[in-house]
Amino acid sequence: MTESRVDERVINVADIDPQHRHAILFRLFEHLAPNESLQIVVDHDPRRLRLQLEALHGSRCGWSYLEQGPDLWRVRLRLLAHGDAREEGKPEC
C-alpha cells in the first residue's frame, strides 16, 4: 500500500454523501496550492471524476494511481503549476 505524504490530505470517498462527492472533491482540488496534493480512496475506478477534472483544469491536474483495485483505488491529485505537466512529463488528468 502506498503511504500518503506528510502534508497530504487523504479523503475516503465512502465517508461523503454520494450526491455531494464530486462537488466536494472539486472544491478541495481547486483550493490546493500549486504542486500540493490530495489523495482519494474509493472502492471503484474514479474514471468519471478524472474526466470531469480534465474538462475543468486540463493539464493543470496531475493524476496518479497509487493503487488500482480490484477492491480499493488510491489516487493522488495534484494541482500543477502552469507548464509542469508538459515540461516534466507528468501524468495529466
PDB file of N, CA and C in Angstrom:
ATOM      1  N   MET A   1       0.848  -1.180   0.000  1.00  0.00           N
ATOM      2  CA  MET A   1       0.000   0.000   0.000  1.00  0.00           C
ATOM      3  C   MET A   1       0.891   1.240   0.000  1.00  0.00           C
ATOM      4  N   THR A   2       0.537   2.231  -0.772  1.00  0.00           N
ATOM      5  CA  THR A   2       1.298   3.461  -0.855  1.00  0.00           C
ATOM      6  C   THR A   2       0.882   4.393   0.273  1.00  0.00           C
ATOM      7  N   GLU A   3       1.856   4.952   0.933  1.00  0.00           N
ATOM      8  CA  GLU A   3       1.578   5.865   2.037  1.00  0.00           C
ATOM      9  C   GLU A   3       1.303   7.269   1.514  1.00  0.00           C
ATOM     10  N   SER A   4       0.625   8.059   2.321  1.00  0.00           N
ATOM     11  CA  SER A   4       0.395   9.449   1.952  1.00  0.00           C
ATOM     12  C   SER A   4       1.602  10.276   2.363  1.00  0.00           C
ATOM     13  N   ARG A   5       1.752  11.400   1.731  1.00  0.00           N
ATOM     14  CA  ARG A   5       2.799  12.337   2.091  1.00  0.00           C
ATOM     15  C   ARG A   5       2.413  12.991   3.407  1.00  0.00           C
ATOM     16  N   VAL A   6       3.400  13.504   4.127  1.00  0.00           N
ATOM     17  CA  VAL A   6       3.150  14.085   5.449  1.00  0.00           C
ATOM     18  C   VAL A   6       2.100  15.196   5.390  1.00  0.00           C
ATOM     19  N   ASP A   7       2.174  16.059   4.383  1.00  0.00           N
ATOM     20  CA  ASP A   7       1.258  17.195   4.295  1.00  0.00           C
ATOM     21  C   ASP A   7       0.068  16.934   3.372  1.00  0.00           C
ATOM     22  N   GLU A   8      -0.142  15.683   3.000  1.00  0.00           N
ATOM     23  CA  GLU A   8      -1.197  15.354   2.055  1.00  0.00           C
ATOM     24  C   GLU A   8      -2.476  14.937   2.780  1.00  0.00           C
ATOM     25  N   ARG A   9      -3.567  15.534   2.382  1.00  0.00           N
ATOM     26  CA  ARG A   9      -4.866  15.175   2.946  1.00  0.00           C
ATOM     27  C   ARG A   9      -5.368  13.914   2.243  1.00  0.00           C
ATOM     28  N   VAL A  10      -5.853  12.949   3.026  1.00  0.00           N
ATOM     29  CA  VAL A  10      -6.394  11.702   2.480  1.00  0.00           C
ATOM     30  C   VAL A  10      -7.895  11.709   2.718  1.00  0.00           C
ATOM     31  N   ILE A  11      -8.657  11.553   1.644  1.00  0.00           N
ATOM     32  CA  ILE A  11     -10.118  11.581   1.709  1.00  0.00           C
ATOM     33  C   ILE A  11     -10.654  10.202   1.337  1.00  0.00           C
ATOM     34  N   ASN A  12     -11.367   9.580   2.265  1.00  0.00           N
ATOM     35  CA  ASN A  12     -12.062   8.336   1.966  1.00  0.00           C
ATOM     36  C   ASN A  12     -13.422   8.732   1.398  1.00  0.00           C
ATOM     37  N   VAL A  13     -13.594   8.524   0.121  1.00  0.00           N
ATOM     38  CA  VAL A  13     -14.796   8.979  -0.584  1.00  0.00           C
ATOM     39  C   VAL A  13     -16.059   8.340  -0.012  1.00  0.00           C
ATOM     40  N   ALA A  14     -15.951   7.149   0.552  1.00  0.00           N
ATOM     41  CA  ALA A  14     -17.114   6.478   1.141  1.00  0.00           C
ATOM     42  C   ALA A  14     -17.704   7.274   2.304  1.00  0.00           C
ATOM     43  N   ASP A  15     -16.917   8.162   2.903  1.00  0.00           N
ATOM     44  CA  ASP A  15     -17.392   8.979   4.016  1.00  0.00           C
ATOM     45  C   ASP A  15     -18.212  10.191   3.571  1.00  0.00           C
ATOM     46  N   ILE A  16     -18.322  10.405   2.268  1.00  0.00           N
ATOM     47  CA  ILE A  16     -19.031  11.574   1.727  1.00  0.00           C
ATOM     48  C   ILE A  16     -20.348  11.117   1.112  1.00  0.00           C
ATOM     49  N   ASP A  17     -21.423  11.829   1.400  1.00  0.00           N
ATOM     50  CA  ASP A  17     -22.732  11.535   0.813  1.00  0.00           C
ATOM     51  C   ASP A  17     -22.586  11.477  -0.714  1.00  0.00           C
ATOM     52  N   PRO A  18     -23.054  10.388  -1.343  1.00  0.00           N
ATOM     53  CA  PRO A  18     -22.869  10.219  -2.785  1.00  0.00           C
ATOM     54  C   PRO A  18     -23.323  11.393  -3.646  1.00  0.00           C
ATOM     55  N   GLN A  19     -24.386  12.060  -3.266  1.00  0.00           N
ATOM     56  CA  GLN A  19     -24.881  13.161  -4.098  1.00  0.00           C
ATOM     57  C   GLN A  19     -23.992  14.403  -4.015  1.00  0.00           C
ATOM     58  N   HIS A  20     -23.056  14.440  -3.060  1.00  0.00           N
ATOM     59  CA  HIS A  20     -22.178  15.602  -2.895  1.00  0.00           C
ATOM     60  C   HIS A  20     -20.711  15.308  -3.169  1.00  0.00           C
ATOM     61  N   ARG A  21     -20.385  14.066  -3.466  1.00  0.00           N
ATOM     62  CA  ARG A  21     -18.978  13.653  -3.586  1.00  0.00           C
ATOM     63  C   ARG A  21     -18.176  14.485  -4.579  1.00  0.00           C
ATOM     64  N   HIS A  22     -18.627  14.535  -5.819  1.00  0.00           N
ATOM     65  CA  HIS A  22     -17.835  15.228  -6.832  1.00  0.00           C
ATOM     66  C   HIS A  22     -17.716  16.718  -6.529  1.00  0.00           C
ATOM     67  N   ALA A  23     -18.796  17.331  -6.083  1.00  0.00           N
ATOM     68  CA  ALA A  23     -18.736  18.763  -5.777  1.00  0.00           C
ATOM     69  C   ALA A  23     -17.716  19.039  -4.677  1.00  0.00           C
ATOM     70  N   ILE A  24     -17.693  18.211  -3.657  1.00  0.00           N
ATOM     71  CA  ILE A  24     -16.735  18.389  -2.560  1.00  0.00           C
ATOM     72  C   ILE A  24     -15.314  18.160  -3.054  1.00  0.00           C
ATOM     73  N   LEU A  25     -15.106  17.115  -3.839  1.00  0.00           N
ATOM     74  CA  LEU A  25     -13.766  16.839  -4.355  1.00  0.00           C
ATOM     75  C   LEU A  25     -13.283  17.943  -5.301  1.00  0.00           C
ATOM     76  N   PHE A  26     -14.185  18.511  -6.111  1.00  0.00           N
ATOM     77  CA  PHE A  26     -13.804  19.633  -6.979  1.00  0.00           C
ATOM     78  C   PHE A  26     -13.331  20.810  -6.136  1.00  0.00           C
ATOM     79  N   ARG A  27     -14.075  21.119  -5.069  1.00  0.00           N
ATOM     80  CA  ARG A  27     -13.700  22.253  -4.208  1.00  0.00           C
ATOM     81  C   ARG A  27     -12.363  22.015  -3.524  1.00  0.00           C
ATOM     82  N   LEU A  28     -12.165  20.819  -3.013  1.00  0.00           N
ATOM     83  CA  LEU A  28     -10.889  20.505  -2.364  1.00  0.00           C
ATOM     84  C   LEU A  28      -9.739  20.637  -3.361  1.00  0.00           C
ATOM     85  N   PHE A  29      -9.937  20.148  -4.574  1.00  0.00           N
ATOM     86  CA  PHE A  29      -8.898  20.247  -5.594  1.00  0.00           C
ATOM     87  C   PHE A  29      -8.611  21.699  -5.943  1.00  0.00           C
ATOM     88  N   GLU A  30      -9.655  22.483  -6.126  1.00  0.00           N
ATOM     89  CA  GLU A  30      -9.489  23.881  -6.528  1.00  0.00           C
ATOM     90  C   GLU A  30      -8.815  24.726  -5.452  1.00  0.00           C
ATOM     91  N   HIS A  31      -8.839  24.262  -4.202  1.00  0.00           N
ATOM     92  CA  HIS A  31      -8.199  25.009  -3.118  1.00  0.00           C
ATOM     93  C   HIS A  31      -6.774  24.540  -2.829  1.00  0.00           C
ATOM     94  N   LEU A  32      -6.266  23.609  -3.620  1.00  0.00           N
ATOM     95  CA  LEU A  32      -4.872  23.212  -3.462  1.00  0.00           C
ATOM     96  C   LEU A  32      -3.969  24.309  -4.005  1.00  0.00           C
ATOM     97  N   ALA A  33      -2.873  24.533  -3.332  1.00  0.00           N
ATOM     98  CA  ALA A  33      -1.850  25.434  -3.869  1.00  0.00           C
ATOM     99  C   ALA A  33      -1.111  24.676  -4.974  1.00  0.00           C
ATOM    100  N   PRO A  34      -0.478  25.388  -5.910  1.00  0.00           N
ATOM    101  CA  PRO A  34       0.278  24.691  -6.953  1.00  0.00           C
ATOM    102  C   PRO A  34       1.254  23.684  -6.347  1.00  0.00           C
ATOM    103  N   ASN A  35       1.233  22.493  -6.911  1.00  0.00           N
ATOM    104  CA  ASN A  35       2.073  21.359  -6.521  1.00  0.00           C
ATOM    105  C   ASN A  35       1.707  20.728  -5.179  1.00  0.00           C
ATOM    106  N   GLU A  36       0.621  21.143  -4.542  1.00  0.00           N
ATOM    107  CA  GLU A  36       0.097  20.428  -3.383  1.00  0.00           C
ATOM    108  C   GLU A  36      -0.695  19.232  -3.891  1.00  0.00           C
ATOM    109  N   SER A  37      -0.889  18.251  -3.010  1.00  0.00           N
ATOM    110  CA  SER A  37      -1.625  17.062  -3.438  1.00  0.00           C
ATOM    111  C   SER A  37      -2.713  16.683  -2.450  1.00  0.00           C
ATOM    112  N   LEU A  38      -3.610  15.877  -2.947  1.00  0.00           N
ATOM    113  CA  LEU A  38      -4.747  15.350  -2.212  1.00  0.00           C
ATOM    114  C   LEU A  38      -4.865  13.896  -2.636  1.00  0.00           C
ATOM    115  N   GLN A  39      -5.073  13.007  -1.696  1.00  0.00           N
ATOM    116  CA  GLN A  39      -5.221  11.601  -2.037  1.00  0.00           C
ATOM    117  C   GLN A  39      -6.669  11.183  -1.781  1.00  0.00           C
ATOM    118  N   ILE A  40      -7.255  10.508  -2.752  1.00  0.00           N
ATOM    119  CA  ILE A  40      -8.605   9.988  -2.554  1.00  0.00           C
ATOM    120  C   ILE A  40      -8.547   8.466  -2.521  1.00  0.00           C
ATOM    121  N   VAL A  41      -9.418   7.902  -1.695  1.00  0.00           N
ATOM    122  CA  VAL A  41      -9.544   6.457  -1.536  1.00  0.00           C
ATOM    123  C   VAL A  41     -10.986   6.120  -1.875  1.00  0.00           C
ATOM    124  N   VAL A  42     -11.161   5.171  -2.795  1.00  0.00           N
ATOM    125  CA  VAL A  42     -12.501   4.865  -3.292  1.00  0.00           C
ATOM    126  C   VAL A  42     -12.587   3.375  -3.637  1.00  0.00           C
ATOM    127  N   ASP A  43     -13.806   2.838  -3.690  1.00  0.00           N
ATOM    128  CA  ASP A  43     -13.983   1.405  -3.941  1.00  0.00           C
ATOM    129  C   ASP A  43     -14.183   1.056  -5.414  1.00  0.00           C
ATOM    130  N   HIS A  44     -13.959   2.015  -6.311  1.00  0.00           N
ATOM    131  CA  HIS A  44     -14.083   1.786  -7.749  1.00  0.00           C
ATOM    132  C   HIS A  44     -13.126   2.724  -8.478  1.00  0.00           C
ATOM    133  N   ASP A  45     -12.890   2.468  -9.739  1.00  0.00           N
ATOM    134  CA  ASP A  45     -12.026   3.350 -10.525  1.00  0.00           C
ATOM    135  C   ASP A  45     -12.744   4.686 -10.718  1.00  0.00           C
ATOM    136  N   PRO A  46     -12.170   5.789 -10.223  1.00  0.00           N
ATOM    137  CA  PRO A  46     -12.839   7.095 -10.318  1.00  0.00           C
ATOM    138  C   PRO A  46     -12.633   7.764 -11.676  1.00  0.00           C
ATOM    139  N   ARG A  47     -12.783   7.015 -12.729  1.00  0.00           N
ATOM    140  CA  ARG A  47     -12.556   7.490 -14.101  1.00  0.00           C
ATOM    141  C   ARG A  47     -13.418   8.700 -14.453  1.00  0.00           C
ATOM    142  N   ARG A  48     -14.681   8.685 -14.044  1.00  0.00           N
ATOM    143  CA  ARG A  48     -15.578   9.814 -14.369  1.00  0.00           C
ATOM    144  C   ARG A  48     -15.098  11.103 -13.712  1.00  0.00           C
ATOM    145  N   LEU A  49     -14.636  11.002 -12.456  1.00  0.00           N
ATOM    146  CA  LEU A  49     -14.085  12.167 -11.778  1.00  0.00           C
ATOM    147  C   LEU A  49     -12.879  12.701 -12.547  1.00  0.00           C
ATOM    148  N   ARG A  50     -12.032  11.798 -13.026  1.00  0.00           N
ATOM    149  CA  ARG A  50     -10.852  12.205 -13.794  1.00  0.00           C
ATOM    150  C   ARG A  50     -11.257  12.973 -15.047  1.00  0.00           C
ATOM    151  N   LEU A  51     -12.243  12.483 -15.767  1.00  0.00           N
ATOM    152  CA  LEU A  51     -12.697  13.156 -16.986  1.00  0.00           C
ATOM    153  C   LEU A  51     -13.255  14.544 -16.676  1.00  0.00           C
ATOM    154  N   GLN A  52     -13.990  14.657 -15.582  1.00  0.00           N
ATOM    155  CA  GLN A  52     -14.565  15.956 -15.211  1.00  0.00           C
ATOM    156  C   GLN A  52     -13.473  16.942 -14.795  1.00  0.00           C
ATOM    157  N   LEU A  53     -12.493  16.476 -14.028  1.00  0.00           N
ATOM    158  CA  LEU A  53     -11.385  17.355 -13.638  1.00  0.00           C
ATOM    159  C   LEU A  53     -10.578  17.779 -14.856  1.00  0.00           C
ATOM    160  N   GLU A  54     -10.376  16.865 -15.793  1.00  0.00           N
ATOM    161  CA  GLU A  54      -9.650  17.189 -17.016  1.00  0.00           C
ATOM    162  C   GLU A  54     -10.388  18.263 -17.811  1.00  0.00           C
ATOM    163  N   ALA A  55     -11.715  18.149 -17.876  1.00  0.00           N
ATOM    164  CA  ALA A  55     -12.504  19.138 -18.604  1.00  0.00           C
ATOM    165  C   ALA A  55     -12.388  20.516 -17.958  1.00  0.00           C
ATOM    166  N   LEU A  56     -12.318  20.558 -16.642  1.00  0.00           N
ATOM    167  CA  LEU A  56     -12.245  21.838 -15.927  1.00  0.00           C
ATOM    168  C   LEU A  56     -10.842  22.419 -15.840  1.00  0.00           C
ATOM    169  N   HIS A  57      -9.833  21.565 -15.675  1.00  0.00           N
ATOM    170  CA  HIS A  57      -8.484  22.052 -15.366  1.00  0.00           C
ATOM    171  C   HIS A  57      -7.416  21.647 -16.369  1.00  0.00           C
ATOM    172  N   GLY A  58      -7.749  20.806 -17.324  1.00  0.00           N
ATOM    173  CA  GLY A  58      -6.799  20.401 -18.353  1.00  0.00           C
ATOM    174  C   GLY A  58      -5.501  19.875 -17.779  1.00  0.00           C
ATOM    175  N   SER A  59      -4.389  20.347 -18.304  1.00  0.00           N
ATOM    176  CA  SER A  59      -3.070  19.825 -17.934  1.00  0.00           C
ATOM    177  C   SER A  59      -2.601  20.273 -16.551  1.00  0.00           C
ATOM    178  N   ARG A  60      -3.378  21.095 -15.869  1.00  0.00           N
ATOM    179  CA  ARG A  60      -3.004  21.503 -14.506  1.00  0.00           C
ATOM    180  C   ARG A  60      -3.378  20.441 -13.479  1.00  0.00           C
ATOM    181  N   CYS A  61      -4.066  19.413 -13.906  1.00  0.00           N
ATOM    182  CA  CYS A  61      -4.476  18.357 -12.987  1.00  0.00           C
ATOM    183  C   CYS A  61      -3.538  17.166 -13.116  1.00  0.00           C
ATOM    184  N   GLY A  62      -2.752  16.924 -12.079  1.00  0.00           N
ATOM    185  CA  GLY A  62      -1.902  15.745 -12.040  1.00  0.00           C
ATOM    186  C   GLY A  62      -2.684  14.600 -11.413  1.00  0.00           C
ATOM    187  N   TRP A  63      -2.686  13.455 -12.052  1.00  0.00           N
ATOM    188  CA  TRP A  63      -3.474  12.297 -11.609  1.00  0.00           C
ATOM    189  C   TRP A  63      -2.550  11.098 -11.589  1.00  0.00           C
ATOM    190  N   SER A  64      -2.361  10.500 -10.422  1.00  0.00           N
ATOM    191  CA  SER A  64      -1.504   9.325 -10.305  1.00  0.00           C
ATOM    192  C   SER A  64      -2.235   8.233  -9.542  1.00  0.00           C
ATOM    193  N   TYR A  65      -2.367   7.076 -10.176  1.00  0.00           N
ATOM    194  CA  TYR A  65      -2.927   5.934  -9.465  1.00  0.00           C
ATOM    195  C   TYR A  65      -1.846   5.395  -8.535  1.00  0.00           C
ATOM    196  N   LEU A  66      -2.168   5.269  -7.265  1.00  0.00           N
ATOM    197  CA  LEU A  66      -1.259   4.687  -6.283  1.00  0.00           C
ATOM    198  C   LEU A  66      -1.612   3.226  -6.044  1.00  0.00           C
ATOM    199  N   GLU A  67      -2.893   2.907  -6.224  1.00  0.00           N
ATOM    200  CA  GLU A  67      -3.393   1.543  -6.074  1.00  0.00           C
ATOM    201  C   GLU A  67      -4.592   1.409  -7.008  1.00  0.00           C
ATOM    202  N   GLN A  68      -4.673   0.291  -7.736  1.00  0.00           N
ATOM    203  CA  GLN A  68      -5.726   0.123  -8.737  1.00  0.00           C
ATOM    204  C   GLN A  68      -6.480  -1.179  -8.554  1.00  0.00           C
ATOM    205  N   GLY A  69      -7.346  -1.214  -7.558  1.00  0.00           N
ATOM    206  CA  GLY A  69      -8.292  -2.292  -7.371  1.00  0.00           C
ATOM    207  C   GLY A  69      -7.676  -3.644  -7.091  1.00  0.00           C
ATOM    208  N   PRO A  70      -8.483  -4.662  -7.075  1.00  0.00           N
ATOM    209  CA  PRO A  70      -9.877  -4.638  -7.530  1.00  0.00           C
ATOM    210  C   PRO A  70     -10.878  -4.091  -6.503  1.00  0.00           C
ATOM    211  N   ASP A  71     -10.488  -4.040  -5.230  1.00  0.00           N
ATOM    212  CA  ASP A  71     -11.433  -3.587  -4.205  1.00  0.00           C
ATOM    213  C   ASP A  71     -11.193  -2.162  -3.730  1.00  0.00           C
ATOM    214  N   LEU A  72     -10.010  -1.640  -3.988  1.00  0.00           N
ATOM    215  CA  LEU A  72      -9.645  -0.318  -3.476  1.00  0.00           C
ATOM    216  C   LEU A  72      -8.787   0.416  -4.486  1.00  0.00           C
ATOM    217  N   TRP A  73      -9.112   1.680  -4.708  1.00  0.00           N
ATOM    218  CA  TRP A  73      -8.309   2.545  -5.564  1.00  0.00           C
ATOM    219  C   TRP A  73      -7.825   3.705  -4.715  1.00  0.00           C
ATOM    220  N   ARG A  74      -6.568   4.072  -4.904  1.00  0.00           N
ATOM    221  CA  ARG A  74      -5.985   5.264  -4.280  1.00  0.00           C
ATOM    222  C   ARG A  74      -5.433   6.119  -5.412  1.00  0.00           C
ATOM    223  N   VAL A  75      -5.813   7.385  -5.391  1.00  0.00           N
ATOM    224  CA  VAL A  75      -5.385   8.301  -6.443  1.00  0.00           C
ATOM    225  C   VAL A  75      -4.825   9.557  -5.796  1.00  0.00           C
ATOM    226  N   ARG A  76      -3.680   9.991  -6.292  1.00  0.00           N
ATOM    227  CA  ARG A  76      -3.107  11.261  -5.839  1.00  0.00           C
ATOM    228  C   ARG A  76      -3.433  12.313  -6.883  1.00  0.00           C
ATOM    229  N   LEU A  77      -4.099  13.373  -6.434  1.00  0.00           N
ATOM    230  CA  LEU A  77      -4.430  14.511  -7.288  1.00  0.00           C
ATOM    231  C   LEU A  77      -3.498  15.659  -6.937  1.00  0.00           C
ATOM    232  N   ARG A  78      -2.932  16.287  -7.952  1.00  0.00           N
ATOM    233  CA  ARG A  78      -2.056  17.437  -7.726  1.00  0.00           C
ATOM    234  C   ARG A  78      -2.494  18.571  -8.625  1.00  0.00           C
ATOM    235  N   LEU A  79      -2.478  19.782  -8.083  1.00  0.00           N
ATOM    236  CA  LEU A  79      -2.698  20.960  -8.895  1.00  0.00           C
ATOM    237  C   LEU A  79      -1.322  21.414  -9.359  1.00  0.00           C
ATOM    238  N   LEU A  80      -1.035  21.198 -10.632  1.00  0.00           N
ATOM    239  CA  LEU A  80       0.281  21.507 -11.170  1.00  0.00           C
ATOM    240  C   LEU A  80       0.392  22.986 -11.505  1.00  0.00           C
ATOM    241  N   ALA A  81       1.571  23.528 -11.303  1.00  0.00           N
ATOM    242  CA  ALA A  81       1.837  24.902 -11.734  1.00  0.00           C
ATOM    243  C   ALA A  81       1.762  24.909 -13.262  1.00  0.00           C
ATOM    244  N   HIS A  82       1.436  26.044 -13.845  1.00  0.00           N
ATOM    245  CA  HIS A  82       1.341  26.139 -15.306  1.00  0.00           C
ATOM    246  C   HIS A  82       2.616  25.628 -15.946  1.00  0.00           C
ATOM    247  N   GLY A  83       2.461  24.733 -16.936  1.00  0.00           N
ATOM    248  CA  GLY A  83       3.599  24.223 -17.681  1.00  0.00           C
ATOM    249  C   GLY A  83       4.248  22.982 -17.090  1.00  0.00           C
ATOM    250  N   ASP A  84       3.986  22.643 -15.824  1.00  0.00           N
ATOM    251  CA  ASP A  84       4.649  21.498 -15.199  1.00  0.00           C
ATOM    252  C   ASP A  84       4.341  20.179 -15.895  1.00  0.00           C
ATOM    253  N   ALA A  85       3.126  19.950 -16.307  1.00  0.00           N
ATOM    254  CA  ALA A  85       2.741  18.667 -16.887  1.00  0.00           C
ATOM    255  C   ALA A  85       3.508  18.413 -18.181  1.00  0.00           C
ATOM    256  N   ARG A  86       3.642  19.411 -19.009  1.00  0.00           N
ATOM    257  CA  ARG A  86       4.337  19.224 -20.277  1.00  0.00           C
ATOM    258  C   ARG A  86       5.847  19.178 -20.083  1.00  0.00           C
ATOM    259  N   GLU A  87       6.372  20.065 -19.258  1.00  0.00           N
ATOM    260  CA  GLU A  87       7.811  20.167 -19.110  1.00  0.00           C
ATOM    261  C   GLU A  87       8.422  18.950 -18.438  1.00  0.00           C
ATOM    262  N   GLU A  88       7.748  18.369 -17.480  1.00  0.00           N
ATOM    263  CA  GLU A  88       8.319  17.267 -16.732  1.00  0.00           C
ATOM    264  C   GLU A  88       7.730  15.923 -17.107  1.00  0.00           C
ATOM    265  N   GLY A  89       6.828  15.879 -18.075  1.00  0.00           N
ATOM    266  CA  GLY A  89       6.239  14.621 -18.500  1.00  0.00           C
ATOM    267  C   GLY A  89       5.350  13.982 -17.440  1.00  0.00           C
ATOM    268  N   LYS A  90       4.798  14.770 -16.565  1.00  0.00           N
ATOM    269  CA  LYS A  90       3.942  14.254 -15.506  1.00  0.00           C
ATOM    270  C   LYS A  90       2.589  13.854 -16.082  1.00  0.00           C
ATOM    271  N   PRO A  91       1.948  12.849 -15.476  1.00  0.00           N
ATOM    272  CA  PRO A  91       0.637  12.432 -15.978  1.00  0.00           C
ATOM    273  C   PRO A  91      -0.386  13.546 -15.825  1.00  0.00           C
ATOM    274  N   GLU A  92      -1.225  13.659 -16.812  1.00  0.00           N
ATOM    275  CA  GLU A  92      -2.305  14.644 -16.762  1.00  0.00           C
ATOM    276  C   GLU A  92      -3.590  13.926 -16.449  1.00  0.00           C
ATOM    277  N   CYS A  93      -4.590  14.678 -16.042  1.00  0.00           N
ATOM    278  CA  CYS A  93      -5.904  14.087 -15.801  1.00  0.00           C
ATOM    279  C   CYS A  93      -6.431  13.457 -17.056  1.00  0.00           C
TER     280      CYS A  93
END
